[in-house]
Amino acid sequence: MPFEHRIAILEACRYVDAVFPERHWEQKREDILRKEADIFAMGDDWTGKFDDLGDICQVVYLPRTADVSSTEIRQLVKVFKGEQVQALKNSAEQLMKNISLL
């Protein structure tokens, strides 16, 4: 999912006031201070990695959705697209055969 789409989804949540794009790893602390953020949220696969920010805001590790993998979704879409392309090729070949029979 493109970065811009992920931001739009997060910004659509009524509990989210702002989403800050990350340009480099060290900017988290300065972003929190500059934007006066109260809460820093991150997926729980990062649990403990940002505890040092607890001195300037509340650090919350959100649970990941069980059995949902963006990598797996991308792979499934790629397979689905491949199947669609093959189905279109098969249809085109059949159409060409039918035309040649005319």
N, C-alpha and C. Protein backbone atom coordinates (compact mmCIF):
# COMPACT_ATOMS: atom_id res chain seq x y z
N MET A 1 0.86 -1.17 0.00
CA MET A 1 0.00 0.00 0.00
C MET A 1 0.90 1.23 0.00
N PRO A 2 0.69 2.12 -0.94
CA PRO A 2 1.54 3.31 -1.00
C PRO A 2 1.46 4.14 0.29
N PHE A 3 2.57 4.78 0.58
CA PHE A 3 2.69 5.60 1.79
C PHE A 3 1.55 6.62 1.91
N GLU A 4 1.22 7.28 0.80
CA GLU A 4 0.17 8.30 0.81
C GLU A 4 -1.18 7.71 1.22
N HIS A 5 -1.45 6.48 0.79
CA HIS A 5 -2.71 5.82 1.16
C HIS A 5 -2.74 5.49 2.65
N ARG A 6 -1.59 5.03 3.16
CA ARG A 6 -1.52 4.72 4.60
C ARG A 6 -1.74 5.97 5.44
N ILE A 7 -1.16 7.09 5.01
CA ILE A 7 -1.38 8.36 5.73
C ILE A 7 -2.86 8.73 5.70
N ALA A 8 -3.49 8.62 4.55
CA ALA A 8 -4.91 8.98 4.41
C ALA A 8 -5.77 8.12 5.33
N ILE A 9 -5.46 6.84 5.43
CA ILE A 9 -6.22 5.95 6.32
C ILE A 9 -6.05 6.37 7.76
N LEU A 10 -4.81 6.64 8.17
CA LEU A 10 -4.57 7.05 9.56
C LEU A 10 -5.23 8.39 9.87
N GLU A 11 -5.13 9.34 8.95
CA GLU A 11 -5.72 10.66 9.18
C GLU A 11 -7.25 10.59 9.22
N ALA A 12 -7.83 9.57 8.62
CA ALA A 12 -9.29 9.41 8.64
C ALA A 12 -9.79 8.91 10.00
N CYS A 13 -8.89 8.39 10.82
CA CYS A 13 -9.28 7.91 12.15
C CYS A 13 -9.56 9.11 13.06
N ARG A 14 -10.68 9.07 13.73
CA ARG A 14 -11.05 10.22 14.56
C ARG A 14 -10.12 10.45 15.74
N TYR A 15 -9.34 9.44 16.11
CA TYR A 15 -8.44 9.59 17.25
C TYR A 15 -7.05 10.08 16.84
N VAL A 16 -6.84 10.24 15.55
CA VAL A 16 -5.52 10.66 15.05
C VAL A 16 -5.58 12.14 14.67
N ASP A 17 -4.75 12.94 15.31
CA ASP A 17 -4.69 14.37 15.00
C ASP A 17 -3.70 14.67 13.88
N ALA A 18 -2.60 13.92 13.83
CA ALA A 18 -1.59 14.19 12.81
C ALA A 18 -0.74 12.94 12.58
N VAL A 19 -0.27 12.83 11.37
CA VAL A 19 0.65 11.75 10.99
C VAL A 19 1.90 12.43 10.45
N PHE A 20 3.05 12.05 10.97
CA PHE A 20 4.30 12.67 10.55
C PHE A 20 5.09 11.69 9.69
N PRO A 21 5.37 12.05 8.45
CA PRO A 21 6.21 11.18 7.62
C PRO A 21 7.63 11.11 8.18
N GLU A 22 8.20 9.95 8.16
CA GLU A 22 9.54 9.77 8.68
C GLU A 22 10.56 9.88 7.55
N ARG A 23 11.46 10.81 7.69
CA ARG A 23 12.52 11.00 6.69
C ARG A 23 13.82 10.31 7.14
N HIS A 24 14.02 10.29 8.46
CA HIS A 24 15.17 9.58 9.02
C HIS A 24 14.82 9.13 10.43
N TRP A 25 15.50 8.10 10.87
CA TRP A 25 15.18 7.42 12.13
C TRP A 25 15.24 8.34 13.35
N GLU A 26 16.17 9.28 13.38
CA GLU A 26 16.39 10.10 14.56
C GLU A 26 15.37 11.23 14.74
N GLN A 27 14.49 11.42 13.79
CA GLN A 27 13.60 12.57 13.84
C GLN A 27 12.41 12.41 14.80
N LYS A 28 12.18 11.23 15.29
CA LYS A 28 11.00 11.00 16.13
C LYS A 28 10.92 11.97 17.31
N ARG A 29 12.00 12.05 18.06
CA ARG A 29 12.01 12.93 19.24
C ARG A 29 11.76 14.38 18.85
N GLU A 30 12.42 14.86 17.81
CA GLU A 30 12.22 16.27 17.41
C GLU A 30 10.81 16.51 16.88
N ASP A 31 10.23 15.53 16.17
CA ASP A 31 8.84 15.67 15.69
C ASP A 31 7.87 15.76 16.86
N ILE A 32 8.06 14.90 17.84
CA ILE A 32 7.18 14.88 19.01
C ILE A 32 7.25 16.23 19.74
N LEU A 33 8.45 16.73 19.93
CA LEU A 33 8.62 18.01 20.62
C LEU A 33 8.07 19.17 19.79
N ARG A 34 8.37 19.18 18.50
CA ARG A 34 7.92 20.27 17.62
C ARG A 34 6.39 20.31 17.51
N LYS A 35 5.78 19.15 17.37
CA LYS A 35 4.32 19.07 17.19
C LYS A 35 3.57 18.96 18.51
N GLU A 36 4.33 18.89 19.62
CA GLU A 36 3.75 18.75 20.96
C GLU A 36 2.79 17.56 21.04
N ALA A 37 3.26 16.44 20.49
CA ALA A 37 2.46 15.21 20.50
C ALA A 37 2.36 14.64 21.91
N ASP A 38 1.19 14.16 22.23
CA ASP A 38 0.96 13.55 23.54
C ASP A 38 1.22 12.04 23.52
N ILE A 39 0.98 11.44 22.36
CA ILE A 39 1.09 9.99 22.24
C ILE A 39 1.90 9.63 21.00
N PHE A 40 2.81 8.69 21.17
CA PHE A 40 3.55 8.11 20.05
C PHE A 40 3.07 6.67 19.95
N ALA A 41 2.50 6.30 18.79
CA ALA A 41 1.97 4.95 18.61
C ALA A 41 2.77 4.22 17.55
N MET A 42 2.99 2.94 17.82
CA MET A 42 3.77 2.10 16.90
C MET A 42 3.24 0.68 17.05
N GLY A 43 3.39 -0.12 15.99
CA GLY A 43 2.97 -1.52 16.05
C GLY A 43 3.74 -2.29 17.11
N ASP A 44 3.08 -3.28 17.69
CA ASP A 44 3.71 -4.01 18.80
C ASP A 44 4.88 -4.89 18.38
N ASP A 45 5.13 -4.98 17.07
CA ASP A 45 6.34 -5.68 16.66
C ASP A 45 7.58 -4.85 17.00
N TRP A 46 7.37 -3.61 17.40
CA TRP A 46 8.45 -2.71 17.83
C TRP A 46 8.48 -2.52 19.35
N THR A 47 7.75 -3.35 20.09
CA THR A 47 7.65 -3.19 21.54
C THR A 47 9.03 -3.04 22.18
N GLY A 48 9.14 -1.98 22.99
CA GLY A 48 10.37 -1.71 23.72
C GLY A 48 11.38 -0.85 22.98
N LYS A 49 11.25 -0.74 21.69
CA LYS A 49 12.24 -0.01 20.88
C LYS A 49 12.17 1.50 21.05
N PHE A 50 11.01 2.00 21.49
CA PHE A 50 10.84 3.45 21.60
C PHE A 50 10.51 3.90 23.02
N ASP A 51 10.79 3.05 23.97
CA ASP A 51 10.52 3.39 25.37
C ASP A 51 11.26 4.64 25.81
N ASP A 52 12.40 4.95 25.16
CA ASP A 52 13.17 6.14 25.53
C ASP A 52 12.39 7.44 25.26
N LEU A 53 11.33 7.36 24.44
CA LEU A 53 10.51 8.55 24.18
C LEU A 53 9.49 8.80 25.29
N GLY A 54 9.40 7.88 26.23
CA GLY A 54 8.45 7.98 27.32
C GLY A 54 8.66 9.19 28.22
N ASP A 55 9.82 9.82 28.13
CA ASP A 55 10.06 11.00 28.95
C ASP A 55 9.40 12.26 28.37
N ILE A 56 8.96 12.19 27.10
CA ILE A 56 8.34 13.37 26.48
C ILE A 56 6.89 13.12 26.02
N CYS A 57 6.46 11.85 25.99
CA CYS A 57 5.08 11.54 25.59
C CYS A 57 4.75 10.12 26.04
N GLN A 58 3.48 9.78 25.88
CA GLN A 58 3.06 8.41 26.17
C GLN A 58 3.40 7.55 24.95
N VAL A 59 4.08 6.44 25.17
CA VAL A 59 4.42 5.52 24.09
C VAL A 59 3.45 4.35 24.14
N VAL A 60 2.76 4.11 23.03
CA VAL A 60 1.76 3.05 22.95
C VAL A 60 2.14 2.10 21.82
N TYR A 61 2.18 0.81 22.15
CA TYR A 61 2.43 -0.20 21.13
C TYR A 61 1.10 -0.88 20.82
N LEU A 62 0.66 -0.69 19.59
CA LEU A 62 -0.64 -1.21 19.17
C LEU A 62 -0.50 -2.64 18.65
N PRO A 63 -1.44 -3.51 19.04
CA PRO A 63 -1.36 -4.89 18.55
C PRO A 63 -1.61 -4.96 17.05
N ARG A 64 -0.86 -5.81 16.42
CA ARG A 64 -1.05 -6.02 14.99
C ARG A 64 -2.29 -6.89 14.79
N THR A 65 -2.92 -6.75 13.64
CA THR A 65 -4.09 -7.56 13.34
C THR A 65 -3.63 -8.98 13.04
N ALA A 66 -4.16 -9.93 13.79
CA ALA A 66 -3.76 -11.32 13.60
C ALA A 66 -4.07 -11.79 12.19
N ASP A 67 -3.17 -12.56 11.65
CA ASP A 67 -3.35 -13.19 10.33
C ASP A 67 -3.50 -12.19 9.19
N VAL A 68 -3.03 -10.94 9.36
CA VAL A 68 -3.04 -9.98 8.27
C VAL A 68 -1.60 -9.57 8.00
N SER A 69 -1.18 -9.78 6.78
CA SER A 69 0.18 -9.45 6.38
C SER A 69 0.12 -8.66 5.08
N SER A 70 0.68 -7.45 5.10
CA SER A 70 0.69 -6.65 3.87
C SER A 70 1.52 -7.33 2.79
N THR A 71 2.56 -8.05 3.19
CA THR A 71 3.37 -8.79 2.22
C THR A 71 2.52 -9.87 1.56
N GLU A 72 1.75 -10.58 2.35
CA GLU A 72 0.89 -11.63 1.80
C GLU A 72 -0.19 -11.04 0.89
N ILE A 73 -0.74 -9.92 1.27
CA ILE A 73 -1.75 -9.26 0.44
C ILE A 73 -1.15 -8.88 -0.90
N ARG A 74 0.05 -8.30 -0.90
CA ARG A 74 0.72 -7.93 -2.15
C ARG A 74 0.95 -9.15 -3.03
N GLN A 75 1.37 -10.25 -2.41
CA GLN A 75 1.61 -11.47 -3.17
C GLN A 75 0.32 -12.00 -3.79
N LEU A 76 -0.76 -11.98 -3.04
CA LEU A 76 -2.05 -12.45 -3.55
C LEU A 76 -2.55 -11.57 -4.70
N VAL A 77 -2.38 -10.27 -4.57
CA VAL A 77 -2.80 -9.36 -5.64
C VAL A 77 -1.98 -9.64 -6.90
N LYS A 78 -0.70 -9.88 -6.74
CA LYS A 78 0.16 -10.17 -7.89
C LYS A 78 -0.30 -11.45 -8.57
N VAL A 79 -0.61 -12.48 -7.80
CA VAL A 79 -1.10 -13.74 -8.38
C VAL A 79 -2.43 -13.51 -9.07
N PHE A 80 -3.32 -12.78 -8.41
CA PHE A 80 -4.64 -12.50 -8.98
C PHE A 80 -4.50 -11.76 -10.31
N LYS A 81 -3.65 -10.75 -10.34
CA LYS A 81 -3.42 -10.00 -11.58
C LYS A 81 -2.87 -10.92 -12.66
N GLY A 82 -1.95 -11.79 -12.30
CA GLY A 82 -1.39 -12.73 -13.25
C GLY A 82 -2.45 -13.65 -13.82
N GLU A 83 -3.36 -14.11 -12.96
CA GLU A 83 -4.46 -14.97 -13.42
C GLU A 83 -5.39 -14.20 -14.35
N GLN A 84 -5.65 -12.94 -14.04
CA GLN A 84 -6.51 -12.12 -14.90
C GLN A 84 -5.87 -11.93 -16.27
N VAL A 85 -4.57 -11.65 -16.29
CA VAL A 85 -3.87 -11.46 -17.55
C VAL A 85 -3.94 -12.73 -18.38
N GLN A 86 -3.71 -13.86 -17.73
CA GLN A 86 -3.75 -15.13 -18.46
C GLN A 86 -5.16 -15.40 -18.98
N ALA A 87 -6.18 -15.11 -18.20
CA ALA A 87 -7.56 -15.30 -18.65
C ALA A 87 -7.86 -14.41 -19.85
N LEU A 88 -7.38 -13.18 -19.84
CA LEU A 88 -7.57 -12.28 -20.98
C LEU A 88 -6.85 -12.80 -22.23
N LYS A 89 -5.63 -13.31 -22.04
CA LYS A 89 -4.89 -13.88 -23.16
C LYS A 89 -5.64 -15.07 -23.75
N ASN A 90 -6.15 -15.93 -22.87
CA ASN A 90 -6.90 -17.10 -23.33
C ASN A 90 -8.15 -16.67 -24.10
N SER A 91 -8.84 -15.67 -23.60
CA SER A 91 -10.04 -15.16 -24.28
C SER A 91 -9.69 -14.58 -25.64
N ALA A 92 -8.59 -13.83 -25.70
CA ALA A 92 -8.16 -13.23 -26.97
C ALA A 92 -7.80 -14.32 -27.97
N GLU A 93 -7.10 -15.35 -27.52
CA GLU A 93 -6.73 -16.45 -28.42
C GLU A 93 -7.98 -17.15 -28.95
N GLN A 94 -8.94 -17.39 -28.07
CA GLN A 94 -10.18 -18.05 -28.48
C GLN A 94 -10.94 -17.17 -29.47
N LEU A 95 -10.97 -15.88 -29.22
CA LEU A 95 -11.64 -14.95 -30.13
C LEU A 95 -10.97 -14.98 -31.50
N MET A 96 -9.65 -14.98 -31.52
CA MET A 96 -8.92 -15.03 -32.78
C MET A 96 -9.22 -16.32 -33.54
N LYS A 97 -9.31 -17.44 -32.83
CA LYS A 97 -9.65 -18.72 -33.46
C LYS A 97 -11.05 -18.65 -34.06
N ASN A 98 -11.98 -18.07 -33.30
CA ASN A 98 -13.37 -17.96 -33.77
C ASN A 98 -13.45 -17.07 -35.00
N ILE A 99 -12.68 -16.00 -35.03
CA ILE A 99 -12.67 -15.08 -36.16
C ILE A 99 -12.11 -15.79 -37.40
N SER A 100 -11.06 -16.58 -37.17
CA SER A 100 -10.45 -17.27 -38.32
C SER A 100 -11.38 -18.35 -38.89
N LEU A 101 -12.32 -18.85 -38.09
CA LEU A 101 -13.28 -19.84 -38.57
C LEU A 101 -14.38 -19.20 -39.42
N LEU A 102 -14.54 -17.89 -39.31
CA LEU A 102 -15.58 -17.20 -40.07
C LEU A 102 -15.25 -17.13 -41.49
